[in-house]
Amino acid sequence: MSQKLHGTAIEAFWSGTSFLITSTVFQPNFASLSDIFGRRSLFLVALIFFTVGAIVAAVANNFTIILVGRSIQGIGGGGIISLTEIVVTDIVPLRERGKYFGFLSMMWALGSVGGPLIGGAFAQEVSWRWIFWINLPFCALGFVLIPLFLNLNHRTTSFLEKLKRVDWVGSVLFVASMMSLLIPITWGGVMYPWDHWRTLVPLVLGVVGLAGFMLYEKFVAKEPLIRLGVFSSRTALGNYLGTVMHGMIVSLELNDSQWLVEGVTDYLFITALEFTILSPTILRSHQRSRSNHGRCSCLPRDIVRTHLHKLSLIKQN
């Protein structure tokens, strides 16, 4: 793809990273909005973003358009990831959830192995554009099946009342802060040195912004984007800390591996960080489910297992 579009290695690196950054940042927003507007509506919105992004990337004639398309696709991908996990906690009894998350893990494993092979075959034998076109039949299938089969009850109110429930300030703070945090983490040591002001300034602003976000969520927001109350449960806190450690350990391991190029390191680091961020959002929705016994006991564990397996497959390759 880089050769066809006469792009640089950095541009090719950002074509993957842009998807991961937007996917990471917007997951809590989709989860929170699905509590207000309903799972089905937000699932369709996420699917629209994913479809539009795939089309934009498929018709692109330069890397600028590809980055735009991949960023849009990442927004939809983040919504699909978070809502898939949340819907399972909504409709599957606690004792059966391990089995269903096993099915999701199996899909991730198949995608991790088959995706690069199929994409490489398309790029070499047909056209790199088919890497994006191949998504459309599955998107079309989703547009048909989601309205037919995803029927979950949620509180019915007027659209204006729903808009009033949205944590607008918290959403803006979170998205801006996470963007400011993730972008310098991504280009640090790749595009700019770690001690360069282009790396340090947005990194500091991101940390300060996240601190402000947490204070706003705790003391001001009426219906927070992420309820900090999930940390008051020892079970939830233990699972969340385990997920944080997972992201840190994987990052340190990969950074110490001489065979791994920096672009792949950043890719895998953001993937780990993505699910570090996602866990409390899912726990929040899980706490609102009808099951009040033993909640939050299996979901983060299954997420960690899924992505540790995915990372091990990538590392082996």
C-alpha atoms as a PDB file:
ATOM      1  CA  MET A   1       0.000   0.000   0.000  1.00  0.00           C
ATOM      2  CA  SER A   2       2.879   2.356   0.797  1.00  0.00           C
ATOM      3  CA  GLN A   3       4.444   1.655  -2.580  1.00  0.00           C
ATOM      4  CA  LYS A   4       1.213   2.201  -4.503  1.00  0.00           C
ATOM      5  CA  LEU A   5       0.493   5.498  -2.763  1.00  0.00           C
ATOM      6  CA  HIS A   6       4.158   6.572  -2.588  1.00  0.00           C
ATOM      7  CA  GLY A   7       3.900   6.904   1.185  1.00  0.00           C
ATOM      8  CA  THR A   8       6.520   6.804   3.896  1.00  0.00           C
ATOM      9  CA  ALA A   9       6.975   4.247   6.646  1.00  0.00           C
ATOM     10  CA  ILE A  10       5.653   6.781   9.174  1.00  0.00           C
ATOM     11  CA  GLU A  11       2.470   7.288   7.123  1.00  0.00           C
ATOM     12  CA  ALA A  12       1.972   3.526   6.893  1.00  0.00           C
ATOM     13  CA  PHE A  13       2.489   3.295  10.657  1.00  0.00           C
ATOM     14  CA  TRP A  14      -0.170   5.947  11.303  1.00  0.00           C
ATOM     15  CA  SER A  15      -2.678   4.175   9.056  1.00  0.00           C
ATOM     16  CA  GLY A  16      -2.911   1.486  11.717  1.00  0.00           C
ATOM     17  CA  THR A  17      -2.308   3.633  14.773  1.00  0.00           C
ATOM     18  CA  SER A  18      -5.012   6.181  13.891  1.00  0.00           C
ATOM     19  CA  PHE A  19      -7.607   3.385  14.019  1.00  0.00           C
ATOM     20  CA  LEU A  20      -6.412   2.240  17.431  1.00  0.00           C
ATOM     21  CA  ILE A  21      -6.304   5.712  18.963  1.00  0.00           C
ATOM     22  CA  THR A  22      -9.841   6.678  17.971  1.00  0.00           C
ATOM     23  CA  SER A  23     -11.089   3.211  18.854  1.00  0.00           C
ATOM     24  CA  THR A  24      -9.604   3.541  22.338  1.00  0.00           C
ATOM     25  CA  VAL A  25     -10.791   7.078  23.010  1.00  0.00           C
ATOM     26  CA  PHE A  26     -14.438   6.711  21.986  1.00  0.00           C
ATOM     27  CA  GLN A  27     -15.309   3.402  23.658  1.00  0.00           C
ATOM     28  CA  PRO A  28     -16.538   4.944  26.945  1.00  0.00           C
ATOM     29  CA  ASN A  29     -18.663   7.400  24.972  1.00  0.00           C
ATOM     30  CA  PHE A  30     -20.474   4.643  23.117  1.00  0.00           C
ATOM     31  CA  ALA A  31     -20.993   2.682  26.317  1.00  0.00           C
ATOM     32  CA  SER A  32     -22.372   5.698  28.179  1.00  0.00           C
ATOM     33  CA  LEU A  33     -24.600   6.820  25.311  1.00  0.00           C
ATOM     34  CA  SER A  34     -25.976   3.293  24.945  1.00  0.00           C
ATOM     35  CA  ASP A  35     -27.286   3.565  28.523  1.00  0.00           C
ATOM     36  CA  ILE A  36     -29.206   6.665  27.444  1.00  0.00           C
ATOM     37  CA  PHE A  37     -30.267   5.984  23.849  1.00  0.00           C
ATOM     38  CA  GLY A  38     -30.315   2.186  23.904  1.00  0.00           C
ATOM     39  CA  ARG A  39     -27.877  -0.500  22.800  1.00  0.00           C
ATOM     40  CA  ARG A  40     -29.391  -1.059  19.364  1.00  0.00           C
ATOM     41  CA  SER A  41     -29.285   2.604  18.333  1.00  0.00           C
ATOM     42  CA  LEU A  42     -25.660   3.020  19.353  1.00  0.00           C
ATOM     43  CA  PHE A  43     -24.709  -0.285  17.757  1.00  0.00           C
ATOM     44  CA  LEU A  44     -26.104   0.989  14.451  1.00  0.00           C
ATOM     45  CA  VAL A  45     -24.308   4.322  14.871  1.00  0.00           C
ATOM     46  CA  ALA A  46     -21.030   2.479  15.485  1.00  0.00           C
ATOM     47  CA  LEU A  47     -21.644   0.324  12.427  1.00  0.00           C
ATOM     48  CA  ILE A  48     -22.309   3.419  10.305  1.00  0.00           C
ATOM     49  CA  PHE A  49     -18.995   4.959  11.403  1.00  0.00           C
ATOM     50  CA  PHE A  50     -17.172   1.713  10.665  1.00  0.00           C
ATOM     51  CA  THR A  51     -18.769   1.369   7.232  1.00  0.00           C
ATOM     52  CA  VAL A  52     -18.163   4.982   6.205  1.00  0.00           C
ATOM     53  CA  GLY A  53     -14.553   4.764   7.366  1.00  0.00           C
ATOM     54  CA  ALA A  54     -13.979   1.584   5.372  1.00  0.00           C
ATOM     55  CA  ILE A  55     -15.397   3.180   2.221  1.00  0.00           C
ATOM     56  CA  VAL A  56     -13.319   6.355   2.638  1.00  0.00           C
ATOM     57  CA  ALA A  57     -10.144   4.305   3.099  1.00  0.00           C
ATOM     58  CA  ALA A  58     -10.986   2.039   0.163  1.00  0.00           C
ATOM     59  CA  VAL A  59     -11.374   4.909  -2.329  1.00  0.00           C
ATOM     60  CA  ALA A  60      -8.414   6.927  -1.006  1.00  0.00           C
ATOM     61  CA  ASN A  61      -5.668   8.011  -3.380  1.00  0.00           C
ATOM     62  CA  ASN A  62      -3.266   9.309  -0.728  1.00  0.00           C
ATOM     63  CA  PHE A  63      -2.399   8.613   2.871  1.00  0.00           C
ATOM     64  CA  THR A  64      -4.156  11.709   4.164  1.00  0.00           C
ATOM     65  CA  ILE A  65      -7.518  10.316   3.055  1.00  0.00           C
ATOM     66  CA  ILE A  66      -6.590   6.886   4.382  1.00  0.00           C
ATOM     67  CA  LEU A  67      -5.836   8.374   7.798  1.00  0.00           C
ATOM     68  CA  VAL A  68      -9.202  10.145   7.781  1.00  0.00           C
ATOM     69  CA  GLY A  69     -10.980   6.927   6.818  1.00  0.00           C
ATOM     70  CA  ARG A  70      -9.104   4.825   9.359  1.00  0.00           C
ATOM     71  CA  SER A  71      -9.857   7.336  12.121  1.00  0.00           C
ATOM     72  CA  ILE A  72     -13.571   7.254  11.295  1.00  0.00           C
ATOM     73  CA  GLN A  73     -13.457   3.474  11.090  1.00  0.00           C
ATOM     74  CA  GLY A  74     -11.724   3.381  14.475  1.00  0.00           C
ATOM     75  CA  ILE A  75     -14.560   5.335  16.090  1.00  0.00           C
ATOM     76  CA  GLY A  76     -17.004   2.723  14.840  1.00  0.00           C
ATOM     77  CA  GLY A  77     -14.687  -0.135  15.760  1.00  0.00           C
ATOM     78  CA  GLY A  78     -14.401   1.139  19.320  1.00  0.00           C
ATOM     79  CA  GLY A  79     -18.181   1.274  19.594  1.00  0.00           C
ATOM     80  CA  ILE A  80     -18.554  -2.240  18.238  1.00  0.00           C
ATOM     81  CA  ILE A  81     -15.939  -3.621  20.635  1.00  0.00           C
ATOM     82  CA  SER A  82     -17.386  -2.024  23.758  1.00  0.00           C
ATOM     83  CA  LEU A  83     -21.041  -2.658  22.915  1.00  0.00           C
ATOM     84  CA  THR A  84     -20.394  -6.301  22.066  1.00  0.00           C
ATOM     85  CA  GLU A  85     -18.984  -6.910  25.527  1.00  0.00           C
ATOM     86  CA  ILE A  86     -21.756  -4.913  27.195  1.00  0.00           C
ATOM     87  CA  VAL A  87     -24.580  -6.672  25.351  1.00  0.00           C
ATOM     88  CA  VAL A  88     -23.236 -10.037  26.493  1.00  0.00           C
ATOM     89  CA  THR A  89     -23.408  -8.871  30.118  1.00  0.00           C
ATOM     90  CA  ASP A  90     -26.954  -7.589  29.473  1.00  0.00           C
ATOM     91  CA  ILE A  91     -28.464 -10.773  28.084  1.00  0.00           C
ATOM     92  CA  VAL A  92     -26.350 -13.703  29.277  1.00  0.00           C
ATOM     93  CA  PRO A  93     -26.676 -15.047  32.852  1.00  0.00           C
ATOM     94  CA  LEU A  94     -23.543 -14.827  34.936  1.00  0.00           C
ATOM     95  CA  ARG A  95     -22.937 -18.573  35.028  1.00  0.00           C
ATOM     96  CA  GLU A  96     -23.034 -18.736  31.195  1.00  0.00           C
ATOM     97  CA  ARG A  97     -20.911 -15.699  30.407  1.00  0.00           C
ATOM     98  CA  GLY A  98     -17.602 -17.554  30.402  1.00  0.00           C
ATOM     99  CA  LYS A  99     -18.808 -19.677  27.511  1.00  0.00           C
ATOM    100  CA  TYR A 100     -19.952 -16.707  25.458  1.00  0.00           C
ATOM    101  CA  PHE A 101     -16.794 -14.735  26.097  1.00  0.00           C
ATOM    102  CA  GLY A 102     -14.973 -17.867  24.992  1.00  0.00           C
ATOM    103  CA  PHE A 103     -16.802 -17.594  21.667  1.00  0.00           C
ATOM    104  CA  LEU A 104     -15.693 -13.963  21.377  1.00  0.00           C
ATOM    105  CA  SER A 105     -12.130 -14.975  22.236  1.00  0.00           C
ATOM    106  CA  MET A 106     -12.245 -17.600  19.514  1.00  0.00           C
ATOM    107  CA  MET A 107     -13.308 -14.961  16.979  1.00  0.00           C
ATOM    108  CA  TRP A 108     -10.424 -12.733  18.055  1.00  0.00           C
ATOM    109  CA  ALA A 109      -8.008 -15.649  17.697  1.00  0.00           C
ATOM    110  CA  LEU A 110      -9.276 -16.484  14.206  1.00  0.00           C
ATOM    111  CA  GLY A 111      -9.126 -12.839  13.184  1.00  0.00           C
ATOM    112  CA  SER A 112      -5.611 -12.410  14.573  1.00  0.00           C
ATOM    113  CA  VAL A 113      -4.354 -15.348  12.532  1.00  0.00           C
ATOM    114  CA  GLY A 114      -6.488 -15.071   9.405  1.00  0.00           C
ATOM    115  CA  GLY A 115      -6.680 -11.290   9.063  1.00  0.00           C
ATOM    116  CA  PRO A 116      -3.026 -10.625   8.197  1.00  0.00           C
ATOM    117  CA  LEU A 117      -2.966 -13.586   5.827  1.00  0.00           C
ATOM    118  CA  ILE A 118      -6.101 -12.509   3.955  1.00  0.00           C
ATOM    119  CA  GLY A 119      -5.015  -8.861   3.920  1.00  0.00           C
ATOM    120  CA  GLY A 120      -1.580  -9.785   2.610  1.00  0.00           C
ATOM    121  CA  ALA A 121      -3.111 -11.946  -0.099  1.00  0.00           C
ATOM    122  CA  PHE A 122      -5.409  -9.105  -1.181  1.00  0.00           C
ATOM    123  CA  ALA A 123      -2.572  -6.581  -1.233  1.00  0.00           C
ATOM    124  CA  GLN A 124      -0.271  -8.868  -3.217  1.00  0.00           C
ATOM    125  CA  GLU A 125      -2.623 -10.672  -5.567  1.00  0.00           C
ATOM    126  CA  VAL A 126      -5.610  -8.321  -6.060  1.00  0.00           C
ATOM    127  CA  SER A 127      -5.485  -4.812  -4.593  1.00  0.00           C
ATOM    128  CA  TRP A 128      -4.893  -3.328  -1.156  1.00  0.00           C
ATOM    129  CA  ARG A 129      -8.292  -1.619  -1.484  1.00  0.00           C
ATOM    130  CA  TRP A 130      -9.969  -4.991  -0.944  1.00  0.00           C
ATOM    131  CA  ILE A 131      -8.636  -4.946   2.615  1.00  0.00           C
ATOM    132  CA  PHE A 132     -11.352  -2.341   3.207  1.00  0.00           C
ATOM    133  CA  TRP A 133     -13.988  -3.442   0.675  1.00  0.00           C
ATOM    134  CA  ILE A 134     -14.156  -6.888   2.287  1.00  0.00           C
ATOM    135  CA  ASN A 135     -15.728  -5.272   5.371  1.00  0.00           C
ATOM    136  CA  LEU A 136     -18.829  -4.097   3.530  1.00  0.00           C
ATOM    137  CA  PRO A 137     -20.702  -7.438   3.205  1.00  0.00           C
ATOM    138  CA  PHE A 138     -20.331  -8.003   6.950  1.00  0.00           C
ATOM    139  CA  CYS A 139     -21.481  -4.445   7.658  1.00  0.00           C
ATOM    140  CA  ALA A 140     -24.516  -4.981   5.453  1.00  0.00           C
ATOM    141  CA  LEU A 141     -25.311  -8.178   7.335  1.00  0.00           C
ATOM    142  CA  GLY A 142     -25.043  -6.281  10.619  1.00  0.00           C
ATOM    143  CA  PHE A 143     -27.453  -3.581   9.406  1.00  0.00           C
ATOM    144  CA  VAL A 144     -30.019  -6.314   8.769  1.00  0.00           C
ATOM    145  CA  LEU A 145     -29.506  -8.525  11.819  1.00  0.00           C
ATOM    146  CA  ILE A 146     -29.085  -5.892  14.557  1.00  0.00           C
ATOM    147  CA  PRO A 147     -32.570  -4.346  14.152  1.00  0.00           C
ATOM    148  CA  LEU A 148     -34.117  -7.815  13.867  1.00  0.00           C
ATOM    149  CA  PHE A 149     -32.538  -9.536  16.844  1.00  0.00           C
ATOM    150  CA  LEU A 150     -31.111  -6.951  19.240  1.00  0.00           C
ATOM    151  CA  ASN A 151     -34.204  -6.021  21.219  1.00  0.00           C
ATOM    152  CA  LEU A 152     -33.314  -4.844  24.727  1.00  0.00           C
ATOM    153  CA  ASN A 153     -35.596  -2.863  26.982  1.00  0.00           C
ATOM    154  CA  HIS A 154     -34.451   0.584  28.074  1.00  0.00           C
ATOM    155  CA  ARG A 155     -36.053   3.579  29.691  1.00  0.00           C
ATOM    156  CA  THR A 156     -38.245   5.443  27.197  1.00  0.00           C
ATOM    157  CA  THR A 157     -38.058   9.240  27.398  1.00  0.00           C
ATOM    158  CA  SER A 158     -38.153  12.120  24.953  1.00  0.00           C
ATOM    159  CA  PHE A 159     -35.111  12.814  22.800  1.00  0.00           C
ATOM    160  CA  LEU A 160     -34.575  16.172  24.511  1.00  0.00           C
ATOM    161  CA  GLU A 161     -34.503  14.534  27.940  1.00  0.00           C
ATOM    162  CA  LYS A 162     -31.986  12.016  26.663  1.00  0.00           C
ATOM    163  CA  LEU A 163     -29.752  14.812  25.381  1.00  0.00           C
ATOM    164  CA  LYS A 164     -29.881  16.453  28.804  1.00  0.00           C
ATOM    165  CA  ARG A 165     -28.615  13.241  30.396  1.00  0.00           C
ATOM    166  CA  VAL A 166     -25.475  13.164  28.247  1.00  0.00           C
ATOM    167  CA  ASP A 167     -22.285  14.084  30.078  1.00  0.00           C
ATOM    168  CA  TRP A 168     -21.110  16.566  27.441  1.00  0.00           C
ATOM    169  CA  VAL A 169     -18.368  18.196  29.507  1.00  0.00           C
ATOM    170  CA  GLY A 170     -17.040  14.859  30.689  1.00  0.00           C
ATOM    171  CA  SER A 171     -17.028  13.494  27.150  1.00  0.00           C
ATOM    172  CA  VAL A 172     -15.078  16.453  25.789  1.00  0.00           C
ATOM    173  CA  LEU A 173     -12.607  16.335  28.676  1.00  0.00           C
ATOM    174  CA  PHE A 174     -12.059  12.601  28.280  1.00  0.00           C
ATOM    175  CA  VAL A 175     -11.655  12.597  24.494  1.00  0.00           C
ATOM    176  CA  ALA A 176      -9.331  15.627  24.476  1.00  0.00           C
ATOM    177  CA  SER A 177      -7.239  14.336  27.382  1.00  0.00           C
ATOM    178  CA  MET A 178      -6.891  10.826  25.999  1.00  0.00           C
ATOM    179  CA  MET A 179      -5.962  12.155  22.554  1.00  0.00           C
ATOM    180  CA  SER A 180      -3.381  14.405  24.181  1.00  0.00           C
ATOM    181  CA  LEU A 181      -2.026  11.422  26.124  1.00  0.00           C
ATOM    182  CA  LEU A 182      -2.044   8.745  23.434  1.00  0.00           C
ATOM    183  CA  ILE A 183      -0.618  10.729  20.517  1.00  0.00           C
ATOM    184  CA  PRO A 184       2.708  11.609  22.199  1.00  0.00           C
ATOM    185  CA  ILE A 185       2.953   8.055  23.552  1.00  0.00           C
ATOM    186  CA  THR A 186       2.563   6.907  19.961  1.00  0.00           C
ATOM    187  CA  TRP A 187       5.093   9.196  18.305  1.00  0.00           C
ATOM    188  CA  GLY A 188       7.559   9.371  21.202  1.00  0.00           C
ATOM    189  CA  GLY A 189      10.809   7.790  20.057  1.00  0.00           C
ATOM    190  CA  VAL A 190       9.435   7.400  16.525  1.00  0.00           C
ATOM    191  CA  MET A 191       8.759  10.861  15.116  1.00  0.00           C
ATOM    192  CA  TYR A 192      10.162  12.903  18.020  1.00  0.00           C
ATOM    193  CA  PRO A 193      12.498  12.081  20.924  1.00  0.00           C
ATOM    194  CA  TRP A 194      10.898  11.425  24.292  1.00  0.00           C
ATOM    195  CA  ASP A 195      12.426  14.616  25.705  1.00  0.00           C
ATOM    196  CA  HIS A 196      11.167  16.784  22.815  1.00  0.00           C
ATOM    197  CA  TRP A 197       8.585  19.440  23.677  1.00  0.00           C
ATOM    198  CA  ARG A 198       6.188  17.985  21.077  1.00  0.00           C
ATOM    199  CA  THR A 199       6.141  14.816  23.168  1.00  0.00           C
ATOM    200  CA  LEU A 200       6.292  16.232  26.689  1.00  0.00           C
ATOM    201  CA  VAL A 201       3.801  19.119  26.415  1.00  0.00           C
ATOM    202  CA  PRO A 202       0.785  17.103  25.152  1.00  0.00           C
ATOM    203  CA  LEU A 203       1.712  14.275  27.526  1.00  0.00           C
ATOM    204  CA  VAL A 204       1.564  16.588  30.543  1.00  0.00           C
ATOM    205  CA  LEU A 205      -1.629  18.225  29.275  1.00  0.00           C
ATOM    206  CA  GLY A 206      -3.205  14.794  28.882  1.00  0.00           C
ATOM    207  CA  VAL A 207      -2.377  13.770  32.442  1.00  0.00           C
ATOM    208  CA  VAL A 208      -3.676  17.073  33.827  1.00  0.00           C
ATOM    209  CA  GLY A 209      -6.802  16.775  31.693  1.00  0.00           C
ATOM    210  CA  LEU A 210      -7.510  13.257  32.969  1.00  0.00           C
ATOM    211  CA  ALA A 211      -7.113  14.471  36.554  1.00  0.00           C
ATOM    212  CA  GLY A 212      -9.603  17.252  35.830  1.00  0.00           C
ATOM    213  CA  PHE A 213     -11.920  14.721  34.208  1.00  0.00           C
ATOM    214  CA  MET A 214     -11.917  12.519  37.302  1.00  0.00           C
ATOM    215  CA  LEU A 215     -12.650  15.478  39.577  1.00  0.00           C
ATOM    216  CA  TYR A 216     -15.500  16.591  37.326  1.00  0.00           C
ATOM    217  CA  GLU A 217     -16.978  13.100  37.190  1.00  0.00           C
ATOM    218  CA  LYS A 218     -16.830  12.730  40.957  1.00  0.00           C
ATOM    219  CA  PHE A 219     -18.127  16.105  42.109  1.00  0.00           C
ATOM    220  CA  VAL A 220     -20.014  17.755  39.251  1.00  0.00           C
ATOM    221  CA  ALA A 221     -21.447  15.354  36.667  1.00  0.00           C
ATOM    222  CA  LYS A 222     -25.043  14.256  37.310  1.00  0.00           C
ATOM    223  CA  GLU A 223     -24.731  11.183  35.081  1.00  0.00           C
ATOM    224  CA  PRO A 224     -20.984  10.596  34.667  1.00  0.00           C
ATOM    225  CA  LEU A 225     -19.391   9.212  31.532  1.00  0.00           C
ATOM    226  CA  ILE A 226     -17.450   6.783  33.743  1.00  0.00           C
ATOM    227  CA  ARG A 227     -18.795   6.226  37.242  1.00  0.00           C
ATOM    228  CA  LEU A 228     -15.865   6.284  39.643  1.00  0.00           C
ATOM    229  CA  GLY A 229     -18.001   4.184  41.971  1.00  0.00           C
ATOM    230  CA  VAL A 230     -16.806   1.079  40.105  1.00  0.00           C
ATOM    231  CA  PHE A 231     -13.554   1.462  42.038  1.00  0.00           C
ATOM    232  CA  SER A 232     -15.373   1.154  45.377  1.00  0.00           C
ATOM    233  CA  SER A 233     -15.980  -2.559  44.788  1.00  0.00           C
ATOM    234  CA  ARG A 234     -13.011  -4.704  45.760  1.00  0.00           C
ATOM    235  CA  THR A 235     -13.865  -7.210  43.045  1.00  0.00           C
ATOM    236  CA  ALA A 236     -14.042  -4.548  40.356  1.00  0.00           C
ATOM    237  CA  LEU A 237     -10.939  -2.778  41.651  1.00  0.00           C
ATOM    238  CA  GLY A 238      -8.946  -6.000  41.701  1.00  0.00           C
ATOM    239  CA  ASN A 239      -9.963  -6.851  38.131  1.00  0.00           C
ATOM    240  CA  TYR A 240      -9.232  -3.348  36.931  1.00  0.00           C
ATOM    241  CA  LEU A 241      -5.795  -3.224  38.577  1.00  0.00           C
ATOM    242  CA  GLY A 242      -5.042  -6.594  37.001  1.00  0.00           C
ATOM    243  CA  THR A 243      -5.920  -5.181  33.604  1.00  0.00           C
ATOM    244  CA  VAL A 244      -3.680  -2.155  34.218  1.00  0.00           C
ATOM    245  CA  MET A 245      -0.815  -4.462  35.148  1.00  0.00           C
ATOM    246  CA  HIS A 246      -1.493  -6.479  32.017  1.00  0.00           C
ATOM    247  CA  GLY A 247      -1.036  -3.400  29.861  1.00  0.00           C
ATOM    248  CA  MET A 248       2.150  -2.368  31.680  1.00  0.00           C
ATOM    249  CA  ILE A 249       3.756  -5.823  31.620  1.00  0.00           C
ATOM    250  CA  VAL A 250       2.996  -6.400  27.949  1.00  0.00           C
ATOM    251  CA  SER A 251       4.397  -2.973  27.080  1.00  0.00           C
ATOM    252  CA  LEU A 252       7.596  -3.539  29.087  1.00  0.00           C
ATOM    253  CA  GLU A 253       8.067  -7.011  27.602  1.00  0.00           C
ATOM    254  CA  LEU A 254       7.680  -5.776  24.053  1.00  0.00           C
ATOM    255  CA  ASN A 255       9.933  -2.778  24.592  1.00  0.00           C
ATOM    256  CA  ASP A 256      12.686  -5.126  25.773  1.00  0.00           C
ATOM    257  CA  SER A 257      12.344  -7.335  22.667  1.00  0.00           C
ATOM    258  CA  GLN A 258      15.053  -6.474  20.167  1.00  0.00           C
ATOM    259  CA  TRP A 259      13.239  -8.117  17.277  1.00  0.00           C
ATOM    260  CA  LEU A 260      10.230  -5.808  17.494  1.00  0.00           C
ATOM    261  CA  VAL A 261      10.159  -2.562  15.550  1.00  0.00           C
ATOM    262  CA  GLU A 262       8.878   0.531  17.319  1.00  0.00           C
ATOM    263  CA  GLY A 263       5.724   0.788  15.221  1.00  0.00           C
ATOM    264  CA  VAL A 264       4.568  -2.670  16.275  1.00  0.00           C
ATOM    265  CA  THR A 265       5.466  -1.897  19.887  1.00  0.00           C
ATOM    266  CA  ASP A 266       3.241   1.173  19.879  1.00  0.00           C
ATOM    267  CA  TYR A 267       0.472  -0.743  18.135  1.00  0.00           C
ATOM    268  CA  LEU A 268       0.407  -3.410  20.808  1.00  0.00           C
ATOM    269  CA  PHE A 269       0.817  -0.905  23.646  1.00  0.00           C
ATOM    270  CA  ILE A 270      -2.272   1.026  22.562  1.00  0.00           C
ATOM    271  CA  THR A 271      -4.204  -2.233  22.143  1.00  0.00           C
ATOM    272  CA  ALA A 272      -3.403  -3.084  25.758  1.00  0.00           C
ATOM    273  CA  LEU A 273      -4.201   0.443  26.893  1.00  0.00           C
ATOM    274  CA  GLU A 274      -7.460   0.310  24.961  1.00  0.00           C
ATOM    275  CA  PHE A 275      -8.782  -2.458  27.178  1.00  0.00           C
ATOM    276  CA  THR A 276      -7.346  -0.857  30.295  1.00  0.00           C
ATOM    277  CA  ILE A 277      -9.633   2.080  29.514  1.00  0.00           C
ATOM    278  CA  LEU A 278     -12.565  -0.077  28.464  1.00  0.00           C
ATOM    279  CA  SER A 279     -12.794  -2.158  31.645  1.00  0.00           C
ATOM    280  CA  PRO A 280     -14.396   0.402  33.989  1.00  0.00           C
ATOM    281  CA  THR A 281     -16.863   1.403  31.297  1.00  0.00           C
ATOM    282  CA  ILE A 282     -18.048  -2.182  30.895  1.00  0.00           C
ATOM    283  CA  LEU A 283     -18.117  -2.625  34.662  1.00  0.00           C
ATOM    284  CA  ARG A 284     -20.374   0.396  34.934  1.00  0.00           C
ATOM    285  CA  SER A 285     -22.881  -1.074  32.489  1.00  0.00           C
ATOM    286  CA  HIS A 286     -22.495  -4.489  34.071  1.00  0.00           C
ATOM    287  CA  GLN A 287     -23.445  -3.050  37.461  1.00  0.00           C
ATOM    288  CA  ARG A 288     -26.686  -1.808  35.936  1.00  0.00           C
ATOM    289  CA  SER A 289     -27.698  -5.256  34.767  1.00  0.00           C
ATOM    290  CA  ARG A 290     -30.327  -7.284  36.569  1.00  0.00           C
ATOM    291  CA  SER A 291     -27.872  -9.683  38.094  1.00  0.00           C
ATOM    292  CA  ASN A 292     -26.651  -8.291  41.403  1.00  0.00           C
ATOM    293  CA  HIS A 293     -24.708 -11.320  42.658  1.00  0.00           C
ATOM    294  CA  GLY A 294     -21.051 -11.887  41.871  1.00  0.00           C
ATOM    295  CA  ARG A 295     -21.007  -9.131  39.303  1.00  0.00           C
ATOM    296  CA  CYS A 296     -17.835  -7.946  37.617  1.00  0.00           C
ATOM    297  CA  SER A 297     -16.217 -11.304  38.347  1.00  0.00           C
ATOM    298  CA  CYS A 298     -15.437 -12.611  34.873  1.00  0.00           C
ATOM    299  CA  LEU A 299     -15.543  -9.857  32.268  1.00  0.00           C
ATOM    300  CA  PRO A 300     -12.147  -8.131  32.695  1.00  0.00           C
ATOM    301  CA  ARG A 301     -10.508 -11.534  33.103  1.00  0.00           C
ATOM    302  CA  ASP A 302     -11.895 -12.677  29.768  1.00  0.00           C
ATOM    303  CA  ILE A 303     -10.806  -9.452  28.081  1.00  0.00           C
ATOM    304  CA  VAL A 304      -7.275  -9.962  29.367  1.00  0.00           C
ATOM    305  CA  ARG A 305      -7.244 -13.595  28.223  1.00  0.00           C
ATOM    306  CA  THR A 306      -8.519 -12.643  24.787  1.00  0.00           C
ATOM    307  CA  HIS A 307      -5.932  -9.993  24.156  1.00  0.00           C
ATOM    308  CA  LEU A 308      -3.033 -11.800  25.759  1.00  0.00           C
ATOM    309  CA  HIS A 309      -3.782 -14.569  23.280  1.00  0.00           C
ATOM    310  CA  LYS A 310      -3.950 -12.056  20.455  1.00  0.00           C
ATOM    311  CA  LEU A 311      -0.669 -10.482  21.482  1.00  0.00           C
ATOM    312  CA  SER A 312       1.018 -13.893  21.785  1.00  0.00           C
ATOM    313  CA  LEU A 313      -0.074 -14.776  18.255  1.00  0.00           C
ATOM    314  CA  ILE A 314       1.339 -11.528  16.891  1.00  0.00           C
ATOM    315  CA  LYS A 315       4.570 -12.018  18.799  1.00  0.00           C
ATOM    316  CA  GLN A 316       4.959 -15.575  17.470  1.00  0.00           C
ATOM    317  CA  ASN A 317       4.478 -14.325  13.907  1.00  0.00           C
END
